Every structure is written in structure tokens, then in C-alpha cells.
PDB file of all heavy atoms in Angstrom:
ATOM      1  N   ALA A   1      52.743  93.731 103.478  1.00  0.00           N
ATOM      2  CA  ALA A   1      54.072  94.268 103.196  1.00  0.00           C
ATOM      3  C   ALA A   1      54.776  94.691 104.479  1.00  0.00           C
ATOM      4  O   ALA A   1      55.983  94.456 104.651  1.00  0.00           O
ATOM      5  CB  ALA A   1      53.956  95.448 102.235  1.00  0.00           C
ATOM      6  N   LEU A   2      54.046  95.311 105.393  1.00  0.00           N
ATOM      7  CA  LEU A   2      54.649  95.717 106.665  1.00  0.00           C
ATOM      8  C   LEU A   2      55.076  94.511 107.499  1.00  0.00           C
ATOM      9  O   LEU A   2      56.166  94.492 108.086  1.00  0.00           O
ATOM     10  CB  LEU A   2      53.646  96.548 107.464  1.00  0.00           C
ATOM     11  CG  LEU A   2      53.489  98.023 107.090  1.00  0.00           C
ATOM     12  CD1 LEU A   2      52.295  98.619 107.821  1.00  0.00           C
ATOM     13  CD2 LEU A   2      54.754  98.802 107.420  1.00  0.00           C
ATOM     14  N   ALA A   3      54.216  93.492 107.564  1.00  0.00           N
ATOM     15  CA  ALA A   3      54.508  92.325 108.391  1.00  0.00           C
ATOM     16  C   ALA A   3      55.760  91.604 107.904  1.00  0.00           C
ATOM     17  O   ALA A   3      56.614  91.205 108.706  1.00  0.00           O
ATOM     18  CB  ALA A   3      53.313  91.374 108.409  1.00  0.00           C
ATOM     19  N   GLY A   4      55.881  91.422 106.595  1.00  0.00           N
ATOM     20  CA  GLY A   4      57.043  90.733 106.051  1.00  0.00           C
ATOM     21  C   GLY A   4      58.271  91.593 105.932  1.00  0.00           C
ATOM     22  O   GLY A   4      59.361  91.089 105.617  1.00  0.00           O
ATOM     23  N   GLY A   5      58.119  92.892 106.201  1.00  0.00           N
ATOM     24  CA  GLY A   5      59.247  93.808 106.126  1.00  0.00           C
ATOM     25  C   GLY A   5      59.656  94.314 107.493  1.00  0.00           C
ATOM     26  O   GLY A   5      60.400  93.664 108.227  1.00  0.00           O
ATOM     27  N   GLU A   6      59.118  95.477 107.888  1.00  0.00           N
ATOM     28  CA  GLU A   6      59.555  96.117 109.131  1.00  0.00           C
ATOM     29  C   GLU A   6      59.247  95.268 110.367  1.00  0.00           C
ATOM     30  O   GLU A   6      60.090  95.140 111.263  1.00  0.00           O
ATOM     31  CB  GLU A   6      58.901  97.490 109.265  1.00  0.00           C
ATOM     32  CG  GLU A   6      59.413  98.265 110.471  1.00  0.00           C
ATOM     33  CD  GLU A   6      58.826  99.660 110.597  1.00  0.00           C
ATOM     34  OE1 GLU A   6      58.005 100.051 109.731  1.00  0.00           O
ATOM     35  OE2 GLU A   6      59.175 100.359 111.566  1.00  0.00           O
ATOM     36  N   VAL A   7      58.054  94.675 110.430  1.00  0.00           N
ATOM     37  CA  VAL A   7      57.695  93.928 111.636  1.00  0.00           C
ATOM     38  C   VAL A   7      58.586  92.702 111.809  1.00  0.00           C
ATOM     39  O   VAL A   7      59.077  92.423 112.916  1.00  0.00           O
ATOM     40  CB  VAL A   7      56.203  93.529 111.603  1.00  0.00           C
ATOM     41  CG1 VAL A   7      55.866  92.634 112.798  1.00  0.00           C
ATOM     42  CG2 VAL A   7      55.322  94.766 111.614  1.00  0.00           C
ATOM     43  N   LEU A   8      58.815  91.966 110.740  1.00  0.00           N
ATOM     44  CA  LEU A   8      59.676  90.790 110.826  1.00  0.00           C
ATOM     45  C   LEU A   8      61.095  91.180 111.239  1.00  0.00           C
ATOM     46  O   LEU A   8      61.725  90.504 112.059  1.00  0.00           O
ATOM     47  CB  LEU A   8      59.695  90.051 109.491  1.00  0.00           C
ATOM     48  CG  LEU A   8      60.497  88.754 109.441  1.00  0.00           C
ATOM     49  CD1 LEU A   8      59.981  87.751 110.460  1.00  0.00           C
ATOM     50  CD2 LEU A   8      60.461  88.158 108.032  1.00  0.00           C
ATOM     51  N   ALA A   9      61.594  92.297 110.720  1.00  0.00           N
ATOM     52  CA  ALA A   9      62.935  92.751 111.095  1.00  0.00           C
ATOM     53  C   ALA A   9      62.995  93.152 112.571  1.00  0.00           C
ATOM     54  O   ALA A   9      63.957  92.830 113.277  1.00  0.00           O
ATOM     55  CB  ALA A   9      63.345  93.927 110.209  1.00  0.00           C
ATOM     56  N   LEU A  10      61.973  93.836 113.047  1.00  0.00           N
ATOM     57  CA  LEU A  10      61.943  94.254 114.449  1.00  0.00           C
ATOM     58  C   LEU A  10      61.795  93.073 115.402  1.00  0.00           C
ATOM     59  O   LEU A  10      62.234  93.123 116.557  1.00  0.00           O
ATOM     60  CB  LEU A  10      60.772  95.212 114.674  1.00  0.00           C
ATOM     61  CG  LEU A  10      60.877  96.609 114.057  1.00  0.00           C
ATOM     62  CD1 LEU A  10      59.517  97.290 114.065  1.00  0.00           C
ATOM     63  CD2 LEU A  10      61.903  97.456 114.790  1.00  0.00           C
ATOM     64  N   SER A  11      61.174  91.996 114.929  1.00  0.00           N
ATOM     65  CA  SER A  11      60.848  90.884 115.819  1.00  0.00           C
ATOM     66  C   SER A  11      62.089  90.224 116.412  1.00  0.00           C
ATOM     67  O   SER A  11      62.026  89.662 117.510  1.00  0.00           O
ATOM     68  CB  SER A  11      60.021  89.834 115.067  1.00  0.00           C
ATOM     69  OG  SER A  11      60.813  89.127 114.129  1.00  0.00           O
ATOM     70  N   HIS A  12      63.215  90.286 115.728  1.00  0.00           N
ATOM     71  CA  HIS A  12      64.412  89.596 116.217  1.00  0.00           C
ATOM     72  C   HIS A  12      64.879  90.193 117.551  1.00  0.00           C
ATOM     73  O   HIS A  12      65.173  89.467 118.507  1.00  0.00           O
ATOM     74  CB  HIS A  12      65.513  89.658 115.166  1.00  0.00           C
ATOM     75  CG  HIS A  12      65.140  88.976 113.883  1.00  0.00           C
ATOM     76  ND1 HIS A  12      65.014  87.609 113.781  1.00  0.00           N
ATOM     77  CD2 HIS A  12      64.818  89.471 112.661  1.00  0.00           C
ATOM     78  CE1 HIS A  12      64.658  87.291 112.544  1.00  0.00           C
ATOM     79  NE2 HIS A  12      64.535  88.400 111.851  1.00  0.00           N
ATOM     80  N   ASP A  13      64.939  91.511 117.632  1.00  0.00           N
ATOM     81  CA  ASP A  13      65.339  92.140 118.890  1.00  0.00           C
ATOM     82  C   ASP A  13      64.270  91.967 119.961  1.00  0.00           C
ATOM     83  O   ASP A  13      64.582  91.789 121.144  1.00  0.00           O
ATOM     84  CB  ASP A  13      65.614  93.629 118.681  1.00  0.00           C
ATOM     85  CG  ASP A  13      66.974  93.879 118.047  1.00  0.00           C
ATOM     86  OD1 ASP A  13      67.854  93.004 118.161  1.00  0.00           O
ATOM     87  OD2 ASP A  13      67.155  94.945 117.436  1.00  0.00           O
ATOM     88  N   ALA A  14      63.006  92.010 119.561  1.00  0.00           N
ATOM     89  CA  ALA A  14      61.918  91.847 120.540  1.00  0.00           C
ATOM     90  C   ALA A  14      61.971  90.477 121.202  1.00  0.00           C
ATOM     91  O   ALA A  14      61.618  90.335 122.376  1.00  0.00           O
ATOM     92  CB  ALA A  14      60.564  92.054 119.852  1.00  0.00           C
ATOM     93  N   HIS A  15      62.425  89.474 120.472  1.00  0.00           N
ATOM     94  CA  HIS A  15      62.532  88.129 121.045  1.00  0.00           C
ATOM     95  C   HIS A  15      63.840  87.932 121.796  1.00  0.00           C
ATOM     96  O   HIS A  15      63.866  87.271 122.833  1.00  0.00           O
ATOM     97  CB  HIS A  15      62.416  87.074 119.941  1.00  0.00           C
ATOM     98  CG  HIS A  15      61.000  86.729 119.620  1.00  0.00           C
ATOM     99  ND1 HIS A  15      60.357  85.632 120.119  1.00  0.00           N
ATOM    100  CD2 HIS A  15      60.089  87.370 118.851  1.00  0.00           C
ATOM    101  CE1 HIS A  15      59.118  85.599 119.676  1.00  0.00           C
ATOM    102  NE2 HIS A  15      58.921  86.643 118.902  1.00  0.00           N
ATOM    103  N   ARG A  16      64.918  88.478 121.262  1.00  0.00           N
ATOM    104  CA  ARG A  16      66.221  88.250 121.903  1.00  0.00           C
ATOM    105  C   ARG A  16      66.311  88.961 123.250  1.00  0.00           C
ATOM    106  O   ARG A  16      66.845  88.430 124.223  1.00  0.00           O
ATOM    107  CB  ARG A  16      67.340  88.734 120.975  1.00  0.00           C
ATOM    108  CG  ARG A  16      68.734  88.446 121.519  1.00  0.00           C
ATOM    109  CD  ARG A  16      69.815  88.878 120.553  1.00  0.00           C
ATOM    110  NE  ARG A  16      69.775  90.313 120.320  1.00  0.00           N
ATOM    111  CZ  ARG A  16      69.623  90.864 119.118  1.00  0.00           C
ATOM    112  NH1 ARG A  16      69.480  90.092 118.047  1.00  0.00           N
ATOM    113  NH2 ARG A  16      69.618  92.167 118.962  1.00  0.00           N
ATOM    114  N   ASP A  17      65.788  90.185 123.315  1.00  0.00           N
ATOM    115  CA  ASP A  17      65.825  90.970 124.550  1.00  0.00           C
ATOM    116  C   ASP A  17      64.469  90.830 125.233  1.00  0.00           C
ATOM    117  O   ASP A  17      63.550  91.613 125.015  1.00  0.00           O
ATOM    118  CB  ASP A  17      66.123  92.430 124.220  1.00  0.00           C
ATOM    119  CG  ASP A  17      66.417  93.256 125.455  1.00  0.00           C
ATOM    120  OD1 ASP A  17      66.270  92.720 126.570  1.00  0.00           O
ATOM    121  OD2 ASP A  17      66.776  94.425 125.315  1.00  0.00           O
ATOM    122  N   ARG A  18      64.333  89.822 126.071  1.00  0.00           N
ATOM    123  CA  ARG A  18      63.032  89.484 126.636  1.00  0.00           C
ATOM    124  C   ARG A  18      62.564  90.535 127.636  1.00  0.00           C
ATOM    125  O   ARG A  18      63.378  91.250 128.236  1.00  0.00           O
ATOM    126  CB  ARG A  18      63.109  88.121 127.329  1.00  0.00           C
ATOM    127  CG  ARG A  18      63.564  86.996 126.429  1.00  0.00           C
ATOM    128  CD  ARG A  18      63.418  85.664 127.153  1.00  0.00           C
ATOM    129  NE  ARG A  18      64.384  84.688 126.695  1.00  0.00           N
ATOM    130  CZ  ARG A  18      64.463  83.458 127.162  1.00  0.00           C
ATOM    131  NH1 ARG A  18      63.644  83.065 128.138  1.00  0.00           N
ATOM    132  NH2 ARG A  18      65.364  82.613 126.690  1.00  0.00           N
ATOM    133  N   PRO A  19      61.246  90.625 127.846  1.00  0.00           N
ATOM    134  CA  PRO A  19      60.723  91.585 128.825  1.00  0.00           C
ATOM    135  C   PRO A  19      61.228  91.276 130.228  1.00  0.00           C
ATOM    136  O   PRO A  19      61.485  90.125 130.583  1.00  0.00           O
ATOM    137  CB  PRO A  19      59.203  91.407 128.729  1.00  0.00           C
ATOM    138  CG  PRO A  19      58.973  90.158 127.958  1.00  0.00           C
ATOM    139  CD  PRO A  19      60.178  89.897 127.151  1.00  0.00           C
ATOM    140  N   ARG A  20      61.394  92.337 131.003  1.00  0.00           N
ATOM    141  CA  ARG A  20      61.890  92.222 132.374  1.00  0.00           C
ATOM    142  C   ARG A  20      60.920  92.910 133.332  1.00  0.00           C
ATOM    143  O   ARG A  20      60.358  93.954 133.015  1.00  0.00           O
ATOM    144  CB  ARG A  20      63.277  92.868 132.501  1.00  0.00           C
ATOM    145  CG  ARG A  20      64.356  92.163 131.713  1.00  0.00           C
ATOM    146  CD  ARG A  20      65.713  92.842 131.912  1.00  0.00           C
ATOM    147  NE  ARG A  20      65.731  94.177 131.359  1.00  0.00           N
ATOM    148  CZ  ARG A  20      66.060  94.445 130.099  1.00  0.00           C
ATOM    149  NH1 ARG A  20      66.378  93.475 129.273  1.00  0.00           N
ATOM    150  NH2 ARG A  20      66.081  95.688 129.664  1.00  0.00           N
ATOM    151  N   LEU A  21      60.767  92.326 134.506  1.00  0.00           N
ATOM    152  CA  LEU A  21      59.895  92.901 135.528  1.00  0.00           C
ATOM    153  C   LEU A  21      60.708  93.747 136.494  1.00  0.00           C
ATOM    154  O   LEU A  21      61.692  93.277 137.069  1.00  0.00           O
ATOM    155  CB  LEU A  21      59.187  91.783 136.297  1.00  0.00           C
ATOM    156  CG  LEU A  21      58.353  92.212 137.516  1.00  0.00           C
ATOM    157  CD1 LEU A  21      57.217  93.143 137.109  1.00  0.00           C
ATOM    158  CD2 LEU A  21      57.816  90.985 138.254  1.00  0.00           C
ATOM    159  N   ARG A  22      60.302  95.006 136.673  1.00  0.00           N
ATOM    160  CA  ARG A  22      60.859  95.871 137.708  1.00  0.00           C
ATOM    161  C   ARG A  22      59.774  96.069 138.758  1.00  0.00           C
ATOM    162  O   ARG A  22      58.792  96.760 138.525  1.00  0.00           O
ATOM    163  CB  ARG A  22      61.289  97.224 137.134  1.00  0.00           C
ATOM    164  CG  ARG A  22      62.571  97.185 136.314  1.00  0.00           C
ATOM    165  CD  ARG A  22      63.011  98.587 135.959  1.00  0.00           C
ATOM    166  NE  ARG A  22      63.294  99.374 137.163  1.00  0.00           N
ATOM    167  CZ  ARG A  22      63.251 100.703 137.215  1.00  0.00           C
ATOM    168  NH1 ARG A  22      62.901 101.399 136.154  1.00  0.00           N
ATOM    169  NH2 ARG A  22      63.538 101.342 138.343  1.00  0.00           N
ATOM    170  N   THR A  23      59.954  95.451 139.900  1.00  0.00           N
ATOM    171  CA  THR A  23      58.934  95.565 140.944  1.00  0.00           C
ATOM    172  C   THR A  23      59.015  96.893 141.685  1.00  0.00           C
ATOM    173  O   THR A  23      57.999  97.395 142.167  1.00  0.00           O
ATOM    174  CB  THR A  23      59.069  94.416 141.948  1.00  0.00           C
ATOM    175  OG1 THR A  23      60.394  94.426 142.498  1.00  0.00           O
ATOM    176  CG2 THR A  23      58.797  93.073 141.270  1.00  0.00           C
ATOM    177  N   HIS A  24      60.242  97.481 141.791  1.00  0.00           N
ATOM    178  CA  HIS A  24      60.420  98.717 142.560  1.00  0.00           C
ATOM    179  C   HIS A  24      61.304  99.692 141.782  1.00  0.00           C
ATOM    180  O   HIS A  24      62.127  99.277 140.954  1.00  0.00           O
ATOM    181  CB  HIS A  24      61.095  98.430 143.909  1.00  0.00           C
ATOM    182  CG  HIS A  24      60.262  97.589 144.822  1.00  0.00           C
ATOM    183  ND1 HIS A  24      60.136  96.217 144.682  1.00  0.00           N
ATOM    184  CD2 HIS A  24      59.500  97.925 145.911  1.00  0.00           C
ATOM    185  CE1 HIS A  24      59.341  95.751 145.631  1.00  0.00           C
ATOM    186  NE2 HIS A  24      58.938  96.762 146.388  1.00  0.00           N
ATOM    187  N   ASP A  25      61.109 100.967 142.060  1.00  0.00           N
ATOM    188  CA  ASP A  25      62.011 101.949 141.463  1.00  0.00           C
ATOM    189  C   ASP A  25      63.230 102.154 142.366  1.00  0.00           C
ATOM    190  O   ASP A  25      63.383 101.473 143.396  1.00  0.00           O
ATOM    191  CB  ASP A  25      61.279 103.268 141.192  1.00  0.00           C
ATOM    192  CG  ASP A  25      60.834 103.993 142.460  1.00  0.00           C
ATOM    193  OD1 ASP A  25      61.288 103.619 143.575  1.00  0.00           O
ATOM    194  OD2 ASP A  25      60.049 104.949 142.344  1.00  0.00           O
ATOM    195  N   ALA A  26      64.097 103.099 141.999  1.00  0.00           N
ATOM    196  CA  ALA A  26      65.368 103.279 142.707  1.00  0.00           C
ATOM    197  C   ALA A  26      65.177 103.752 144.144  1.00  0.00           C
ATOM    198  O   ALA A  26      66.061 103.566 144.996  1.00  0.00           O
ATOM    199  CB  ALA A  26      66.252 104.267 141.958  1.00  0.00           C
ATOM    200  N   THR A  27      64.026 104.350 144.441  1.00  0.00           N
ATOM    201  CA  THR A  27      63.786 104.859 145.797  1.00  0.00           C
ATOM    202  C   THR A  27      62.962 103.905 146.653  1.00  0.00           C
ATOM    203  O   THR A  27      62.594 104.252 147.777  1.00  0.00           O
ATOM    204  CB  THR A  27      63.083 106.225 145.727  1.00  0.00           C
ATOM    205  OG1 THR A  27      61.828 106.074 145.049  1.00  0.00           O
ATOM    206  CG2 THR A  27      63.940 107.238 144.975  1.00  0.00           C
ATOM    207  N   GLY A  28      62.657 102.705 146.101  1.00  0.00           N
ATOM    208  CA  GLY A  28      61.939 101.707 146.883  1.00  0.00           C
ATOM    209  C   GLY A  28      60.442 101.700 146.707  1.00  0.00           C
ATOM    210  O   GLY A  28      59.753 100.943 147.379  1.00  0.00           O
ATOM    211  N   HIS A  29      59.918 102.546 145.820  1.00  0.00           N
ATOM    212  CA  HIS A  29      58.481 102.551 145.576  1.00  0.00           C
ATOM    213  C   HIS A  29      58.094 101.381 144.672  1.00  0.00           C
ATOM    214  O   HIS A  29      58.797 101.079 143.705  1.00  0.00           O
ATOM    215  CB  HIS A  29      58.044 103.870 144.920  1.00  0.00           C
ATOM    216  CG  HIS A  29      58.172 105.046 145.819  1.00  0.00           C
ATOM    217  ND1 HIS A  29      59.293 105.855 145.827  1.00  0.00           N
ATOM    218  CD2 HIS A  29      57.327 105.563 146.751  1.00  0.00           C
ATOM    219  CE1 HIS A  29      59.132 106.814 146.723  1.00  0.00           C
ATOM    220  NE2 HIS A  29      57.950 106.663 147.302  1.00  0.00           N
ATOM    221  N   ARG A  30      57.005 100.750 144.988  1.00  0.00           N
ATOM    222  CA  ARG A  30      56.513  99.638 144.180  1.00  0.00           C
ATOM    223  C   ARG A  30      55.979 100.179 142.862  1.00  0.00           C
ATOM    224  O   ARG A  30      55.142 101.105 142.843  1.00  0.00           O
ATOM    225  CB  ARG A  30      55.402  98.905 144.925  1.00  0.00           C
ATOM    226  CG  ARG A  30      54.903  97.651 144.232  1.00  0.00           C
ATOM    227  CD  ARG A  30      55.426  96.407 144.869  1.00  0.00           C
ATOM    228  NE  ARG A  30      55.313  95.256 143.968  1.00  0.00           N
ATOM    229  CZ  ARG A  30      55.611  94.020 144.315  1.00  0.00           C
ATOM    230  NH1 ARG A  30      56.050  93.750 145.530  1.00  0.00           N
ATOM    231  NH2 ARG A  30      55.488  93.030 143.456  1.00  0.00           N
ATOM    232  N   ILE A  31      56.450  99.631 141.737  1.00  0.00           N
ATOM    233  CA  ILE A  31      55.987 100.109 140.427  1.00  0.00           C
ATOM    234  C   ILE A  31      55.416  98.985 139.561  1.00  0.00           C
ATOM    235  O   ILE A  31      54.603  99.241 138.681  1.00  0.00           O
ATOM    236  CB  ILE A  31      57.107 100.846 139.661  1.00  0.00           C
ATOM    237  CG1 ILE A  31      58.336  99.944 139.487  1.00  0.00           C
ATOM    238  CG2 ILE A  31      57.462 102.157 140.358  1.00  0.00           C
ATOM    239  CD1 ILE A  31      59.420 100.562 138.600  1.00  0.00           C
ATOM    240  N   ASP A  32      55.892  97.747 139.768  1.00  0.00           N
ATOM    241  CA  ASP A  32      55.383  96.601 138.984  1.00  0.00           C
ATOM    242  C   ASP A  32      55.325  96.924 137.495  1.00  0.00           C
ATOM    243  O   ASP A  32      54.283  96.814 136.848  1.00  0.00           O
ATOM    244  CB  ASP A  32      54.005  96.181 139.490  1.00  0.00           C
ATOM    245  CG  ASP A  32      54.082  95.473 140.832  1.00  0.00           C
ATOM    246  OD1 ASP A  32      54.982  94.637 140.996  1.00  0.00           O
ATOM    247  OD2 ASP A  32      53.257  95.773 141.718  1.00  0.00           O
ATOM    248  N   ARG A  33      56.434  97.302 136.945  1.00  0.00           N
ATOM    249  CA  ARG A  33      56.504  97.703 135.534  1.00  0.00           C
ATOM    250  C   ARG A  33      57.225  96.630 134.728  1.00  0.00           C
ATOM    251  O   ARG A  33      58.253  96.097 135.148  1.00  0.00           O
ATOM    252  CB  ARG A  33      57.238  99.038 135.420  1.00  0.00           C
ATOM    253  CG  ARG A  33      57.293  99.598 134.004  1.00  0.00           C
ATOM    254  CD  ARG A  33      57.865 100.997 134.028  1.00  0.00           C
ATOM    255  NE  ARG A  33      57.024 101.886 134.852  1.00  0.00           N
ATOM    256  CZ  ARG A  33      57.483 102.962 135.491  1.00  0.00           C
ATOM    257  NH1 ARG A  33      58.773 103.274 135.428  1.00  0.00           N
ATOM    258  NH2 ARG A  33      56.656 103.694 136.205  1.00  0.00           N
TER     259      ARG A  33
END
């Protein structure tokens, strides 16, 4: 029930807004996040 309901609904944004790599923070420190 969860997979066909909440998870399926959430999946659209999870796919449309793809993960992004941030190698450094605003002060120049390496974060690899």
C-alpha cells in the first residue's frame, strides 16, 4: 500500500530533481556532498 501510494507519488520529484554534487562549501572547504 505504501509503495503504490506515498512512495510512487514521491518518486516523481525524486526523478525530476536529480542529485547534484557539491565538491566545496561556500568557504572553499572540500565537502564532496
